[in-house]
Amino acid sequence: MPATTNPVRNALTPDVIRLIATIHRSGSMAAAARELGVVPSALTYRIRQVEDALDVLLFDRSSRRARLTVAGQELLREGNRLLIELDAIANRVKRVATGWEPQLTLAVDSVISRTTVLELCEAFFALEPPTRLKIREEALSGTLEALTSGQADLAIGVALEPAPNLSVQSRPLGTLHFVYAVAPHHPLAQAAEPVPDAQLMLHRAVAVADSVKHGSGVTSGLMGGQDIFTVPGMQEKLDAQLRGLGGGFLPEYLARPHIDAGRLVEKQMQRAPRVIPMRYAWRCATPAAEGRALQWWLEQLGHPATRKALLERAHSL
């Protein structure tokens, strides 16, 4: 029995999705045509084909600028998601053929030692693998979300234990110790210890933003009603506190060199010390499905010295 043709499938191809994205980005058919090296009429014809097949208008023609309709916006949003899935399928096919993943994405929490991560990258590249390496800096619940949403293959520095999930495995990374620190010229530097919460409330706190994309995220070590200066990562938080822009808890390994050099002042708090268990997690349905790149990283994380360095190794100053 011959296969029936589907006009929507025939018209709605990956190339067309990329074409719509180009027109949307450039703002006009003419600009998109120049970028792609074709005549504008050819682009108009392709878009008309898709609109006829779907029986919708994708672009608002009432102005000179090419603006997506609501339907066009939805098509582009879902189309981009499908392109990502197609890339994932191609990656899986290549991994099956060679054993190496075309790309391995690491979601690394900003509390993790950058020095140690880059040393691990250096050792990985020394193998001359065919795998491209991509690192995403995340924070708080965003580190785990990057993994569970499929945007990363391995997450290092997960503060939340993953929910039971056959496709996600995790192991303990170690314990991260935090200290409260302020610049020498900050008002709290001269405060009597232990410093009570009521006194902390009077001063701005520097906090790292949760990088989670869906939901409100989590906060850590903050009090309701306190003035907060939010920064994107732990390095920015350290820099802000060195400038006296606020106070807050920092990983001890990160703060200690600055405390010893007199650039920060450690303060004892009335509240209990902050000690957070960290984990690393990865996406894999079965051990047999793990690519060689992921296997290498998991082997390194299996060494106690590596795990210790990721949580205690000071950044290069």
Protein backbone atom coordinates (compact mmCIF):
# COMPACT_ATOMS: atom_id res chain seq x y z
CA MET A 1 0.00 0.00 0.00
CA PRO A 2 1.63 3.28 -1.06
CA ALA A 3 2.35 5.84 1.66
CA THR A 4 -0.04 8.78 1.68
CA THR A 5 1.46 12.21 1.28
CA ASN A 6 1.02 14.72 4.07
CA PRO A 7 1.07 18.32 2.78
CA VAL A 8 1.87 19.72 6.22
CA ARG A 9 4.88 17.44 6.63
CA ASN A 10 6.03 18.21 3.13
CA ALA A 11 5.82 21.96 3.72
CA LEU A 12 7.01 22.11 7.33
CA THR A 13 10.64 21.02 7.13
CA PRO A 14 13.66 21.88 9.34
CA ASP A 15 14.85 24.23 6.58
CA VAL A 16 11.55 26.10 6.66
CA ILE A 17 11.73 26.48 10.46
CA ARG A 18 15.21 27.95 10.11
CA LEU A 19 13.91 30.20 7.31
CA ILE A 20 11.10 31.53 9.53
CA ALA A 21 13.61 32.16 12.31
CA THR A 22 15.87 34.09 9.92
CA ILE A 23 13.02 36.31 8.70
CA HIS A 24 11.93 36.94 12.30
CA ARG A 25 15.48 37.82 13.36
CA SER A 26 16.28 40.06 10.37
CA GLY A 27 12.91 41.82 10.43
CA SER A 28 11.99 41.60 6.75
CA MET A 29 11.83 39.28 3.76
CA ALA A 30 14.33 41.45 1.91
CA ALA A 31 16.88 41.41 4.74
CA ALA A 32 16.48 37.65 5.15
CA ALA A 33 16.88 37.16 1.40
CA ARG A 34 20.15 39.13 1.42
CA GLU A 35 21.43 37.09 4.33
CA LEU A 36 20.54 33.80 2.64
CA GLY A 37 21.61 34.88 -0.85
CA VAL A 38 18.25 34.35 -2.55
CA VAL A 39 15.62 36.62 -4.10
CA PRO A 40 12.79 37.86 -1.81
CA SER A 41 10.12 36.32 -4.03
CA ALA A 42 11.56 32.86 -3.34
CA LEU A 43 11.21 33.38 0.41
CA THR A 44 7.68 34.73 0.04
CA TYR A 45 6.72 31.67 -2.03
CA ARG A 46 8.11 29.25 0.60
CA ILE A 47 6.26 31.01 3.42
CA ARG A 48 3.03 31.03 1.40
CA GLN A 49 3.36 27.26 0.89
CA VAL A 50 3.58 26.69 4.65
CA GLU A 51 0.70 29.08 5.37
CA ASP A 52 -1.48 27.34 2.77
CA ALA A 53 -0.63 23.91 4.18
CA LEU A 54 -1.41 24.98 7.75
CA ASP A 55 -4.24 27.34 6.74
CA VAL A 56 -2.86 30.11 8.98
CA LEU A 57 -0.96 33.37 8.55
CA LEU A 58 2.56 33.23 9.99
CA PHE A 59 3.55 36.87 9.37
CA ASP A 60 1.57 40.09 9.77
CA ARG A 61 1.75 41.85 6.41
CA SER A 62 0.10 45.09 7.64
CA SER A 63 3.47 46.79 8.20
CA ARG A 64 6.79 46.91 6.35
CA ARG A 65 8.49 44.95 9.11
CA ALA A 66 7.90 41.18 9.08
CA ARG A 67 6.24 40.44 12.42
CA LEU A 68 5.19 36.95 13.46
CA THR A 69 1.54 36.41 14.24
CA VAL A 70 0.61 34.54 17.42
CA ALA A 71 0.38 31.37 15.31
CA GLY A 72 3.78 32.13 13.79
CA GLN A 73 5.32 32.61 17.22
CA GLU A 74 3.97 29.24 18.35
CA LEU A 75 5.25 27.55 15.21
CA LEU A 76 8.72 29.02 15.69
CA ARG A 77 8.79 28.09 19.39
CA GLU A 78 7.72 24.49 18.79
CA GLY A 79 9.81 24.26 15.64
CA ASN A 80 12.96 25.23 17.52
CA ARG A 81 12.15 22.55 20.10
CA LEU A 82 11.83 19.97 17.32
CA LEU A 83 15.17 21.05 15.84
CA ILE A 84 16.81 20.46 19.22
CA GLU A 85 15.25 17.00 19.34
CA LEU A 86 16.45 16.23 15.82
CA ASP A 87 19.98 17.25 16.84
CA ALA A 88 19.70 14.98 19.88
CA ILE A 89 18.66 12.06 17.66
CA ALA A 90 21.63 12.69 15.34
CA ASN A 91 23.96 12.83 18.35
CA ARG A 92 22.63 9.53 19.67
CA VAL A 93 23.08 7.88 16.28
CA LYS A 94 26.69 9.07 16.07
CA ARG A 95 27.36 7.91 19.64
CA VAL A 96 26.05 4.45 18.83
CA ALA A 97 28.40 4.31 15.85
CA THR A 98 31.58 5.52 17.56
CA GLY A 99 31.08 5.19 21.30
CA TRP A 100 31.98 8.87 21.73
CA GLU A 101 29.30 11.53 22.06
CA PRO A 102 29.52 14.35 19.48
CA GLN A 103 28.96 16.76 22.38
CA LEU A 104 28.92 16.46 26.17
CA THR A 105 27.31 19.27 28.14
CA LEU A 106 28.22 19.84 31.78
CA ALA A 107 26.02 21.89 34.10
CA VAL A 108 28.44 23.18 36.73
CA ASP A 109 27.15 25.05 39.76
CA SER A 110 28.90 28.35 40.38
CA VAL A 111 30.04 27.15 43.84
CA ILE A 112 32.28 24.53 42.20
CA SER A 113 36.00 25.30 41.83
CA ARG A 114 36.60 26.68 38.35
CA THR A 115 40.30 25.84 38.61
CA THR A 116 39.58 22.15 39.14
CA VAL A 117 36.93 22.02 36.40
CA LEU A 118 39.32 23.56 33.87
CA GLU A 119 42.09 21.15 34.90
CA LEU A 120 39.69 18.27 34.26
CA CYS A 121 38.83 19.78 30.86
CA GLU A 122 42.54 20.01 30.07
CA ALA A 123 43.02 16.33 30.90
CA PHE A 124 39.95 15.41 28.83
CA PHE A 125 41.17 17.33 25.76
CA ALA A 126 44.58 15.65 26.11
CA LEU A 127 42.83 12.43 25.04
CA GLU A 128 42.02 14.15 21.72
CA PRO A 129 38.43 12.87 21.80
CA PRO A 130 35.96 13.63 18.99
CA THR A 131 33.56 14.96 21.64
CA ARG A 132 32.94 18.69 21.88
CA LEU A 133 32.69 19.90 25.46
CA LYS A 134 30.20 22.53 26.59
CA ILE A 135 29.98 23.97 30.11
CA ARG A 136 26.90 25.74 31.43
CA GLU A 137 27.29 27.73 34.64
CA GLU A 138 24.21 27.22 36.78
CA ALA A 139 23.15 27.99 40.33
CA LEU A 140 20.95 26.42 43.01
CA SER A 141 18.02 24.41 41.57
CA GLY A 142 18.96 25.46 38.02
CA THR A 143 21.89 23.03 38.09
CA LEU A 144 19.59 20.03 38.46
CA GLU A 145 16.97 21.48 36.09
CA ALA A 146 19.57 21.75 33.30
CA LEU A 147 20.09 18.00 33.65
CA THR A 148 16.49 16.85 34.01
CA SER A 149 15.31 19.10 31.15
CA GLY A 150 17.82 17.49 28.79
CA GLN A 151 20.03 20.57 28.40
CA ALA A 152 22.98 18.89 30.12
CA ASP A 153 24.37 15.36 30.33
CA LEU A 154 26.21 15.72 33.63
CA ALA A 155 25.53 18.07 36.55
CA ILE A 156 28.29 18.86 39.05
CA GLY A 157 27.30 20.59 42.27
CA VAL A 158 23.68 19.58 42.79
CA ALA A 159 22.42 20.86 46.14
CA LEU A 160 19.07 19.07 45.81
CA GLU A 161 18.84 15.29 45.73
CA PRO A 162 17.13 14.31 42.45
CA ALA A 163 13.68 12.79 42.71
CA PRO A 164 13.55 9.04 41.98
CA ASN A 165 14.02 8.77 38.24
CA LEU A 166 15.28 5.82 36.24
CA SER A 167 16.94 8.12 33.70
CA VAL A 168 18.88 10.18 36.30
CA GLN A 169 21.52 8.79 38.59
CA SER A 170 23.44 10.69 41.28
CA ARG A 171 26.27 10.22 43.75
CA PRO A 172 27.55 12.27 46.72
CA LEU A 173 30.16 14.86 45.78
CA GLY A 174 31.01 16.02 49.29
CA THR A 175 30.14 18.70 51.80
CA LEU A 176 30.52 22.41 51.11
CA HIS A 177 31.28 24.67 54.09
CA PHE A 178 30.28 28.33 53.99
CA VAL A 179 31.54 31.31 56.00
CA TYR A 180 29.97 34.75 56.38
CA ALA A 181 32.32 37.47 55.17
CA VAL A 182 32.34 41.20 54.50
CA ALA A 183 34.88 43.72 53.25
CA PRO A 184 37.05 45.41 55.94
CA HIS A 185 35.28 48.73 55.31
CA HIS A 186 31.79 47.22 55.62
CA PRO A 187 29.87 48.26 58.79
CA LEU A 188 29.53 44.62 59.91
CA ALA A 189 33.32 44.16 59.91
CA GLN A 190 33.47 45.80 63.36
CA ALA A 191 30.27 44.22 64.73
CA ALA A 192 30.41 42.25 67.96
CA GLU A 193 30.19 38.47 67.54
CA PRO A 194 28.19 36.38 67.20
CA VAL A 195 26.21 38.65 64.89
CA PRO A 196 22.42 38.24 65.39
CA ASP A 197 19.94 38.03 62.52
CA ALA A 198 18.36 41.31 63.62
CA GLN A 199 21.66 43.09 62.91
CA LEU A 200 22.11 41.34 59.55
CA MET A 201 18.66 42.57 58.52
CA LEU A 202 19.95 46.15 58.59
CA HIS A 203 22.50 45.48 55.85
CA ARG A 204 22.31 44.45 52.20
CA ALA A 205 22.88 40.78 51.37
CA VAL A 206 24.59 39.67 48.17
CA ALA A 207 22.85 36.61 46.69
CA VAL A 208 23.36 34.38 43.67
CA ALA A 209 20.30 34.15 41.42
CA ASP A 210 18.78 30.73 40.94
CA SER A 211 19.33 29.86 37.27
CA VAL A 212 16.17 27.73 37.10
CA LYS A 213 14.15 28.56 33.98
CA HIS A 214 10.76 27.32 35.20
CA GLY A 215 9.32 28.17 38.58
CA SER A 216 10.46 30.70 41.16
CA GLY A 217 13.66 28.92 42.20
CA VAL A 218 15.05 28.77 45.71
CA THR A 219 16.94 31.10 48.02
CA SER A 220 19.54 30.20 50.58
CA GLY A 221 20.76 32.06 53.67
CA LEU A 222 18.45 35.06 53.12
CA MET A 223 15.86 36.65 55.40
CA GLY A 224 12.49 38.02 54.38
CA GLY A 225 12.48 41.80 54.09
CA GLN A 226 16.26 42.11 53.80
CA ASP A 227 17.72 44.32 51.06
CA ILE A 228 19.23 41.98 48.45
CA PHE A 229 21.72 42.55 45.65
CA THR A 230 21.33 39.64 43.21
CA VAL A 231 24.23 38.57 40.99
CA PRO A 232 24.51 35.79 38.37
CA GLY A 233 27.20 33.59 39.94
CA MET A 234 29.46 32.90 42.89
CA GLN A 235 32.46 34.71 41.39
CA GLU A 236 30.34 37.86 40.98
CA LYS A 237 29.12 37.44 44.57
CA LEU A 238 32.72 37.29 45.79
CA ASP A 239 33.63 40.38 43.75
CA ALA A 240 30.64 42.30 45.12
CA GLN A 241 31.51 41.44 48.71
CA LEU A 242 35.15 42.40 48.17
CA ARG A 243 33.86 45.82 47.10
CA GLY A 244 31.73 46.14 50.21
CA LEU A 245 28.46 46.10 48.28
CA GLY A 246 26.95 43.72 50.81
CA GLY A 247 27.61 40.71 53.00
CA GLY A 248 26.82 37.05 52.71
CA PHE A 249 27.89 33.45 52.95
CA LEU A 250 30.69 32.29 50.66
CA PRO A 251 32.21 28.83 50.15
CA GLU A 252 35.07 28.67 52.64
CA TYR A 253 37.61 27.58 50.03
CA LEU A 254 36.71 30.64 47.94
CA ALA A 255 36.73 33.14 50.80
CA ARG A 256 39.69 31.85 52.84
CA PRO A 257 42.53 33.27 50.66
CA HIS A 258 40.90 36.72 50.79
CA ILE A 259 40.31 36.44 54.55
CA ASP A 260 43.97 35.48 55.12
CA ALA A 261 45.09 38.41 52.95
CA GLY A 262 42.87 40.88 54.81
CA ARG A 263 40.59 41.58 51.84
CA LEU A 264 37.62 40.03 53.66
CA VAL A 265 36.66 39.73 57.32
CA GLU A 266 35.05 36.51 58.52
CA LYS A 267 32.20 37.01 60.98
CA GLN A 268 30.69 34.46 63.34
CA MET A 269 26.92 34.31 63.11
CA GLN A 270 24.36 33.61 65.81
CA ARG A 271 22.68 31.19 63.42
CA ALA A 272 24.10 27.71 62.83
CA PRO A 273 26.99 27.39 60.35
CA ARG A 274 25.99 26.64 56.77
CA VAL A 275 27.07 23.18 55.64
CA ILE A 276 25.52 21.88 52.41
CA PRO A 277 25.86 18.32 51.04
CA MET A 278 26.50 18.39 47.29
CA ARG A 279 26.03 15.72 44.64
CA TYR A 280 26.80 15.06 41.00
CA ALA A 281 24.20 13.55 38.67
CA TRP A 282 23.94 12.34 35.12
CA ARG A 283 21.35 11.29 32.56
CA CYS A 284 21.55 7.66 31.53
CA ALA A 285 18.86 4.98 31.28
CA THR A 286 21.36 2.11 31.58
CA PRO A 287 25.14 1.91 32.18
CA ALA A 288 25.51 0.34 28.72
CA ALA A 289 24.12 3.51 27.16
CA GLU A 290 26.78 5.79 28.64
CA GLY A 291 29.05 7.28 26.01
CA ARG A 292 32.82 7.18 26.39
CA ALA A 293 33.07 10.89 27.25
CA LEU A 294 30.53 10.61 30.07
CA GLN A 295 32.27 7.45 31.28
CA TRP A 296 35.57 9.37 31.50
CA TRP A 297 34.05 12.17 33.56
CA LEU A 298 32.28 9.73 35.88
CA GLU A 299 35.58 7.88 36.37
CA GLN A 300 37.27 11.14 37.41
CA LEU A 301 34.42 11.99 39.78
CA GLY A 302 34.83 8.54 41.32
CA HIS A 303 38.20 9.64 42.76
CA PRO A 304 37.94 11.14 46.28
CA ALA A 305 40.76 13.59 45.51
CA THR A 306 38.86 14.98 42.51
CA ARG A 307 35.66 15.41 44.48
CA LYS A 308 37.56 17.13 47.29
CA ALA A 309 39.29 19.51 44.85
CA LEU A 310 35.98 20.48 43.24
CA LEU A 311 34.66 21.65 46.61
CA GLU A 312 37.83 22.92 48.28
CA ARG A 313 40.23 24.08 45.56
CA ALA A 314 40.70 27.85 45.63
CA HIS A 315 40.37 29.78 42.38
CA SER A 316 43.57 31.20 40.96
CA LEU A 317 44.03 34.72 42.35
